[in-house]
PDB file of N, CA and C in Angstrom:
ATOM      1  N   MET A   1     102.564 -48.774 -31.815  1.00  0.00           N
ATOM      2  CA  MET A   1     103.083 -48.387 -30.552  1.00  0.00           C
ATOM      3  C   MET A   1     103.059 -46.847 -30.491  1.00  0.00           C
ATOM      4  N   LEU A   2     103.498 -46.206 -31.646  1.00  0.00           N
ATOM      5  CA  LEU A   2     103.672 -44.720 -31.624  1.00  0.00           C
ATOM      6  C   LEU A   2     102.286 -44.031 -31.546  1.00  0.00           C
ATOM      7  N   LEU A   3     102.171 -43.177 -30.620  1.00  0.00           N
ATOM      8  CA  LEU A   3     101.004 -42.306 -30.329  1.00  0.00           C
ATOM      9  C   LEU A   3      99.808 -43.107 -29.919  1.00  0.00           C
ATOM     10  N   SER A   4      99.929 -44.359 -29.677  1.00  0.00           N
ATOM     11  CA  SER A   4      98.728 -45.166 -29.238  1.00  0.00           C
ATOM     12  C   SER A   4      98.862 -45.656 -27.813  1.00  0.00           C
ATOM     13  N   GLY A   5     100.027 -45.675 -27.215  1.00  0.00           N
ATOM     14  CA  GLY A   5     100.227 -46.139 -25.837  1.00  0.00           C
ATOM     15  C   GLY A   5     100.345 -47.568 -25.764  1.00  0.00           C
ATOM     16  N   SER A   6     100.272 -48.302 -26.914  1.00  0.00           N
ATOM     17  CA  SER A   6     100.382 -49.765 -26.791  1.00  0.00           C
ATOM     18  C   SER A   6     101.823 -50.233 -26.745  1.00  0.00           C
ATOM     19  N   LEU A   7     102.012 -51.445 -26.559  1.00  0.00           N
ATOM     20  CA  LEU A   7     103.411 -51.938 -26.506  1.00  0.00           C
ATOM     21  C   LEU A   7     103.859 -52.560 -27.873  1.00  0.00           C
ATOM     22  N   ALA A   8     105.057 -52.405 -28.286  1.00  0.00           N
ATOM     23  CA  ALA A   8     105.491 -53.198 -29.495  1.00  0.00           C
ATOM     24  C   ALA A   8     105.887 -54.588 -29.015  1.00  0.00           C
ATOM     25  N   ASN A   9     105.558 -55.572 -29.926  1.00  0.00           N
ATOM     26  CA  ASN A   9     105.806 -56.892 -29.618  1.00  0.00           C
ATOM     27  C   ASN A   9     106.790 -57.605 -30.522  1.00  0.00           C
ATOM     28  N   HIS A  10     107.411 -56.765 -31.403  1.00  0.00           N
ATOM     29  CA  HIS A  10     108.366 -57.321 -32.298  1.00  0.00           C
ATOM     30  C   HIS A  10     109.223 -56.234 -32.871  1.00  0.00           C
ATOM     31  N   ALA A  11     110.470 -56.469 -33.180  1.00  0.00           N
ATOM     32  CA  ALA A  11     111.364 -55.533 -33.761  1.00  0.00           C
ATOM     33  C   ALA A  11     112.163 -56.292 -34.831  1.00  0.00           C
ATOM     34  N   ALA A  12     112.641 -55.633 -35.862  1.00  0.00           N
ATOM     35  CA  ALA A  12     113.375 -56.234 -36.931  1.00  0.00           C
ATOM     36  C   ALA A  12     114.410 -55.270 -37.384  1.00  0.00           C
ATOM     37  N   ILE A  13     115.463 -55.678 -38.032  1.00  0.00           N
ATOM     38  CA  ILE A  13     116.475 -54.886 -38.521  1.00  0.00           C
ATOM     39  C   ILE A  13     116.504 -54.999 -40.033  1.00  0.00           C
ATOM     40  N   ILE A  14     116.471 -53.894 -40.681  1.00  0.00           N
ATOM     41  CA  ILE A  14     116.545 -53.822 -42.210  1.00  0.00           C
ATOM     42  C   ILE A  14     117.859 -53.411 -42.618  1.00  0.00           C
ATOM     43  N   PHE A  15     118.542 -54.217 -43.488  1.00  0.00           N
ATOM     44  CA  PHE A  15     119.875 -53.850 -43.866  1.00  0.00           C
ATOM     45  C   PHE A  15     120.120 -54.234 -45.394  1.00  0.00           C
ATOM     46  N   ARG A  16     121.110 -53.558 -45.925  1.00  0.00           N
ATOM     47  CA  ARG A  16     121.519 -53.798 -47.304  1.00  0.00           C
ATOM     48  C   ARG A  16     122.798 -54.502 -47.320  1.00  0.00           C
ATOM     49  N   GLU A  17     122.876 -55.629 -48.147  1.00  0.00           N
ATOM     50  CA  GLU A  17     124.071 -56.434 -48.217  1.00  0.00           C
ATOM     51  C   GLU A  17     125.096 -55.531 -48.974  1.00  0.00           C
ATOM     52  N   PRO A  18     126.300 -55.395 -48.563  1.00  0.00           N
ATOM     53  CA  PRO A  18     127.220 -54.569 -49.341  1.00  0.00           C
ATOM     54  C   PRO A  18     127.545 -55.192 -50.714  1.00  0.00           C
ATOM     55  N   ASP A  19     127.767 -56.472 -50.806  1.00  0.00           N
ATOM     56  CA  ASP A  19     128.191 -57.172 -52.054  1.00  0.00           C
ATOM     57  C   ASP A  19     127.059 -57.130 -53.188  1.00  0.00           C
ATOM     58  N   SER A  20     125.862 -57.452 -52.651  1.00  0.00           N
ATOM     59  CA  SER A  20     124.814 -57.631 -53.726  1.00  0.00           C
ATOM     60  C   SER A  20     123.860 -56.332 -53.741  1.00  0.00           C
ATOM     61  N   GLU A  21     123.917 -55.506 -52.781  1.00  0.00           N
ATOM     62  CA  GLU A  21     123.043 -54.417 -52.725  1.00  0.00           C
ATOM     63  C   GLU A  21     121.572 -54.721 -52.470  1.00  0.00           C
ATOM     64  N   LEU A  22     121.266 -56.016 -52.159  1.00  0.00           N
ATOM     65  CA  LEU A  22     120.010 -56.471 -51.877  1.00  0.00           C
ATOM     66  C   LEU A  22     119.545 -56.001 -50.468  1.00  0.00           C
ATOM     67  N   VAL A  23     118.351 -55.731 -50.230  1.00  0.00           N
ATOM     68  CA  VAL A  23     117.768 -55.236 -48.950  1.00  0.00           C
ATOM     69  C   VAL A  23     117.053 -56.346 -48.236  1.00  0.00           C
ATOM     70  N   TYR A  24     117.497 -56.677 -47.059  1.00  0.00           N
ATOM     71  CA  TYR A  24     116.852 -57.803 -46.229  1.00  0.00           C
ATOM     72  C   TYR A  24     116.291 -57.301 -44.919  1.00  0.00           C
ATOM     73  N   VAL A  25     115.482 -58.107 -44.401  1.00  0.00           N
ATOM     74  CA  VAL A  25     114.959 -57.938 -42.978  1.00  0.00           C
ATOM     75  C   VAL A  25     115.509 -59.127 -42.186  1.00  0.00           C
ATOM     76  N   LEU A  26     116.022 -58.819 -41.022  1.00  0.00           N
ATOM     77  CA  LEU A  26     116.567 -59.861 -40.086  1.00  0.00           C
ATOM     78  C   LEU A  26     115.726 -59.723 -38.862  1.00  0.00           C
ATOM     79  N   ASP A  27     115.033 -60.831 -38.504  1.00  0.00           N
ATOM     80  CA  ASP A  27     114.156 -60.868 -37.339  1.00  0.00           C
ATOM     81  C   ASP A  27     114.055 -62.278 -36.786  1.00  0.00           C
ATOM     82  N   CYS A  28     113.430 -62.426 -35.694  1.00  0.00           N
ATOM     83  CA  CYS A  28     113.241 -63.710 -34.989  1.00  0.00           C
ATOM     84  C   CYS A  28     111.776 -63.948 -34.666  1.00  0.00           C
ATOM     85  N   PHE A  29     111.310 -65.122 -35.006  1.00  0.00           N
ATOM     86  CA  PHE A  29     109.895 -65.510 -34.715  1.00  0.00           C
ATOM     87  C   PHE A  29     109.830 -66.673 -33.746  1.00  0.00           C
ATOM     88  N   HIS A  30     108.842 -66.674 -32.979  1.00  0.00           N
ATOM     89  CA  HIS A  30     108.556 -67.829 -32.074  1.00  0.00           C
ATOM     90  C   HIS A  30     107.612 -68.788 -32.888  1.00  0.00           C
ATOM     91  N   ASP A  31     106.935 -68.255 -33.934  1.00  0.00           N
ATOM     92  CA  ASP A  31     106.150 -69.181 -34.711  1.00  0.00           C
ATOM     93  C   ASP A  31     106.348 -68.952 -36.251  1.00  0.00           C
ATOM     94  N   ASN A  32     105.677 -69.487 -37.074  1.00  0.00           N
ATOM     95  CA  ASN A  32     105.926 -69.287 -38.506  1.00  0.00           C
ATOM     96  C   ASN A  32     104.720 -68.721 -39.103  1.00  0.00           C
ATOM     97  N   TRP A  33     104.731 -67.301 -39.346  1.00  0.00           N
ATOM     98  CA  TRP A  33     103.550 -66.580 -39.772  1.00  0.00           C
ATOM     99  C   TRP A  33     103.647 -66.411 -41.257  1.00  0.00           C
ATOM    100  N   GLY A  34     103.770 -67.380 -42.059  1.00  0.00           N
ATOM    101  CA  GLY A  34     103.734 -67.332 -43.481  1.00  0.00           C
ATOM    102  C   GLY A  34     105.059 -67.396 -44.226  1.00  0.00           C
ATOM    103  N   LEU A  35     106.174 -67.442 -43.428  1.00  0.00           N
ATOM    104  CA  LEU A  35     107.488 -67.718 -44.013  1.00  0.00           C
ATOM    105  C   LEU A  35     107.805 -69.215 -43.922  1.00  0.00           C
ATOM    106  N   HIS A  36     108.473 -69.738 -44.850  1.00  0.00           N
ATOM    107  CA  HIS A  36     108.854 -71.126 -44.909  1.00  0.00           C
ATOM    108  C   HIS A  36     109.986 -71.432 -43.956  1.00  0.00           C
ATOM    109  N   GLY A  37     109.906 -72.633 -43.414  1.00  0.00           N
ATOM    110  CA  GLY A  37     111.030 -73.101 -42.504  1.00  0.00           C
ATOM    111  C   GLY A  37     110.566 -73.067 -41.035  1.00  0.00           C
ATOM    112  N   PRO A  38     111.455 -73.442 -40.214  1.00  0.00           N
ATOM    113  CA  PRO A  38     111.185 -73.539 -38.743  1.00  0.00           C
ATOM    114  C   PRO A  38     111.250 -72.140 -38.096  1.00  0.00           C
ATOM    115  N   PRO A  39     110.679 -72.008 -36.848  1.00  0.00           N
ATOM    116  CA  PRO A  39     110.752 -70.649 -36.162  1.00  0.00           C
ATOM    117  C   PRO A  39     112.213 -70.439 -35.876  1.00  0.00           C
ATOM    118  N   GLY A  40     112.447 -69.126 -35.630  1.00  0.00           N
ATOM    119  CA  GLY A  40     113.847 -68.741 -35.250  1.00  0.00           C
ATOM    120  C   GLY A  40     114.360 -67.402 -36.021  1.00  0.00           C
ATOM    121  N   VAL A  41     115.539 -67.224 -36.192  1.00  0.00           N
ATOM    122  CA  VAL A  41     116.073 -66.049 -36.809  1.00  0.00           C
ATOM    123  C   VAL A  41     115.907 -66.278 -38.363  1.00  0.00           C
ATOM    124  N   LYS A  42     115.397 -65.218 -38.983  1.00  0.00           N
ATOM    125  CA  LYS A  42     115.153 -65.377 -40.475  1.00  0.00           C
ATOM    126  C   LYS A  42     115.805 -64.192 -41.181  1.00  0.00           C
ATOM    127  N   LYS A  43     116.296 -64.391 -42.283  1.00  0.00           N
ATOM    128  CA  LYS A  43     116.824 -63.290 -43.231  1.00  0.00           C
ATOM    129  C   LYS A  43     115.961 -63.428 -44.480  1.00  0.00           C
ATOM    130  N   THR A  44     115.169 -62.371 -44.596  1.00  0.00           N
ATOM    131  CA  THR A  44     114.086 -62.320 -45.692  1.00  0.00           C
ATOM    132  C   THR A  44     114.277 -61.121 -46.541  1.00  0.00           C
ATOM    133  N   LEU A  45     114.210 -61.256 -47.873  1.00  0.00           N
ATOM    134  CA  LEU A  45     114.186 -60.117 -48.758  1.00  0.00           C
ATOM    135  C   LEU A  45     113.073 -59.019 -48.307  1.00  0.00           C
ATOM    136  N   LEU A  46     113.370 -57.812 -48.330  1.00  0.00           N
ATOM    137  CA  LEU A  46     112.426 -56.770 -47.824  1.00  0.00           C
ATOM    138  C   LEU A  46     111.095 -56.879 -48.468  1.00  0.00           C
ATOM    139  N   ASP A  47     111.006 -56.975 -49.867  1.00  0.00           N
ATOM    140  CA  ASP A  47     109.765 -56.994 -50.526  1.00  0.00           C
ATOM    141  C   ASP A  47     108.935 -58.165 -50.124  1.00  0.00           C
ATOM    142  N   ARG A  48     109.530 -59.401 -49.920  1.00  0.00           N
ATOM    143  CA  ARG A  48     108.849 -60.545 -49.484  1.00  0.00           C
ATOM    144  C   ARG A  48     108.338 -60.374 -48.101  1.00  0.00           C
ATOM    145  N   TRP A  49     109.182 -59.765 -47.204  1.00  0.00           N
ATOM    146  CA  TRP A  49     108.726 -59.560 -45.794  1.00  0.00           C
ATOM    147  C   TRP A  49     107.569 -58.600 -45.696  1.00  0.00           C
ATOM    148  N   LEU A  50     107.602 -57.557 -46.473  1.00  0.00           N
ATOM    149  CA  LEU A  50     106.579 -56.558 -46.463  1.00  0.00           C
ATOM    150  C   LEU A  50     105.303 -57.244 -46.933  1.00  0.00           C
ATOM    151  N   ALA A  51     105.369 -58.047 -48.036  1.00  0.00           N
ATOM    152  CA  ALA A  51     104.121 -58.661 -48.474  1.00  0.00           C
ATOM    153  C   ALA A  51     103.529 -59.636 -47.501  1.00  0.00           C
ATOM    154  N   THR A  52     104.437 -60.421 -46.847  1.00  0.00           N
ATOM    155  CA  THR A  52     103.909 -61.359 -45.816  1.00  0.00           C
ATOM    156  C   THR A  52     103.294 -60.553 -44.635  1.00  0.00           C
ATOM    157  N   ALA A  53     103.942 -59.433 -44.217  1.00  0.00           N
ATOM    158  CA  ALA A  53     103.440 -58.629 -43.155  1.00  0.00           C
ATOM    159  C   ALA A  53     102.100 -58.055 -43.545  1.00  0.00           C
ATOM    160  N   ASP A  54     101.952 -57.635 -44.846  1.00  0.00           N
ATOM    161  CA  ASP A  54     100.641 -57.079 -45.257  1.00  0.00           C
ATOM    162  C   ASP A  54      99.586 -58.098 -45.325  1.00  0.00           C
ATOM    163  N   ASP A  55      99.915 -59.369 -45.760  1.00  0.00           N
ATOM    164  CA  ASP A  55      99.016 -60.444 -45.823  1.00  0.00           C
ATOM    165  C   ASP A  55      98.497 -60.781 -44.358  1.00  0.00           C
ATOM    166  N   GLY A  56      99.408 -60.636 -43.413  1.00  0.00           N
ATOM    167  CA  GLY A  56      99.077 -60.942 -41.995  1.00  0.00           C
ATOM    168  C   GLY A  56      98.366 -59.836 -41.224  1.00  0.00           C
ATOM    169  N   GLY A  57      98.151 -58.727 -41.936  1.00  0.00           N
ATOM    170  CA  GLY A  57      97.469 -57.597 -41.366  1.00  0.00           C
ATOM    171  C   GLY A  57      98.404 -56.926 -40.218  1.00  0.00           C
ATOM    172  N   PHE A  58      99.655 -56.958 -40.347  1.00  0.00           N
ATOM    173  CA  PHE A  58     100.659 -56.360 -39.393  1.00  0.00           C
ATOM    174  C   PHE A  58     100.705 -54.872 -39.572  1.00  0.00           C
ATOM    175  N   GLU A  59     100.861 -54.038 -38.589  1.00  0.00           N
ATOM    176  CA  GLU A  59     101.204 -52.715 -38.640  1.00  0.00           C
ATOM    177  C   GLU A  59     102.727 -52.577 -38.587  1.00  0.00           C
ATOM    178  N   VAL A  60     103.296 -51.917 -39.655  1.00  0.00           N
ATOM    179  CA  VAL A  60     104.688 -51.835 -39.675  1.00  0.00           C
ATOM    180  C   VAL A  60     105.121 -50.310 -39.664  1.00  0.00           C
ATOM    181  N   ALA A  61     105.933 -49.974 -38.792  1.00  0.00           N
ATOM    182  CA  ALA A  61     106.581 -48.658 -38.618  1.00  0.00           C
ATOM    183  C   ALA A  61     107.978 -48.672 -38.990  1.00  0.00           C
ATOM    184  N   HIS A  62     108.460 -47.811 -39.948  1.00  0.00           N
ATOM    185  CA  HIS A  62     109.814 -47.719 -40.408  1.00  0.00           C
ATOM    186  C   HIS A  62     110.418 -46.546 -39.613  1.00  0.00           C
ATOM    187  N   LEU A  63     111.356 -46.776 -38.791  1.00  0.00           N
ATOM    188  CA  LEU A  63     112.080 -45.810 -37.971  1.00  0.00           C
ATOM    189  C   LEU A  63     113.554 -45.694 -38.383  1.00  0.00           C
ATOM    190  N   PRO A  64     113.863 -44.814 -39.331  1.00  0.00           N
ATOM    191  CA  PRO A  64     115.176 -44.723 -39.902  1.00  0.00           C
ATOM    192  C   PRO A  64     116.251 -44.227 -38.838  1.00  0.00           C
ATOM    193  N   ILE A  65     117.461 -44.682 -39.010  1.00  0.00           N
ATOM    194  CA  ILE A  65     118.553 -44.233 -38.208  1.00  0.00           C
ATOM    195  C   ILE A  65     118.871 -42.816 -38.613  1.00  0.00           C
ATOM    196  N   ASP A  66     119.082 -41.928 -37.726  1.00  0.00           N
ATOM    197  CA  ASP A  66     119.499 -40.500 -38.041  1.00  0.00           C
ATOM    198  C   ASP A  66     120.766 -40.636 -38.819  1.00  0.00           C
ATOM    199  N   PRO A  67     120.869 -39.944 -39.973  1.00  0.00           N
ATOM    200  CA  PRO A  67     122.133 -40.046 -40.763  1.00  0.00           C
ATOM    201  C   PRO A  67     123.404 -39.599 -40.038  1.00  0.00           C
ATOM    202  N   ILE A  68     123.288 -38.798 -39.044  1.00  0.00           N
ATOM    203  CA  ILE A  68     124.407 -38.260 -38.294  1.00  0.00           C
ATOM    204  C   ILE A  68     125.023 -39.434 -37.491  1.00  0.00           C
ATOM    205  N   LEU A  69     124.332 -40.487 -37.213  1.00  0.00           N
ATOM    206  CA  LEU A  69     124.842 -41.667 -36.510  1.00  0.00           C
ATOM    207  C   LEU A  69     125.544 -42.703 -37.386  1.00  0.00           C
ATOM    208  N   VAL A  70     125.387 -42.578 -38.693  1.00  0.00           N
ATOM    209  CA  VAL A  70     125.904 -43.584 -39.629  1.00  0.00           C
ATOM    210  C   VAL A  70     127.283 -43.196 -40.020  1.00  0.00           C
ATOM    211  N   THR A  71     128.253 -44.113 -39.973  1.00  0.00           N
ATOM    212  CA  THR A  71     129.529 -43.790 -40.465  1.00  0.00           C
ATOM    213  C   THR A  71     129.910 -44.824 -41.619  1.00  0.00           C
ATOM    214  N   ASP A  72     130.935 -44.455 -42.435  1.00  0.00           N
ATOM    215  CA  ASP A  72     131.395 -45.306 -43.565  1.00  0.00           C
ATOM    216  C   ASP A  72     132.480 -46.172 -43.120  1.00  0.00           C
ATOM    217  N   GLU A  73     132.747 -46.291 -41.805  1.00  0.00           N
ATOM    218  CA  GLU A  73     133.977 -47.134 -41.339  1.00  0.00           C
ATOM    219  C   GLU A  73     133.640 -48.615 -41.345  1.00  0.00           C
TER     220      GLU A  73
END
């Protein structure tokens, strides 16, 4: 989408669980593109999600939140 003029067709949230420190991707699919289980909202470990996206030929852009917007509250 960036610099190409095309439209994004998917967005996901990457987050770290406070208790385990594991990093996950939370997103929703209308189909099952390599992940197990039915379509819908999925919570997937980041490494597995990236591997599946790579296998599927997806273009992934990481857009971090500006640290000034993050609070510890």
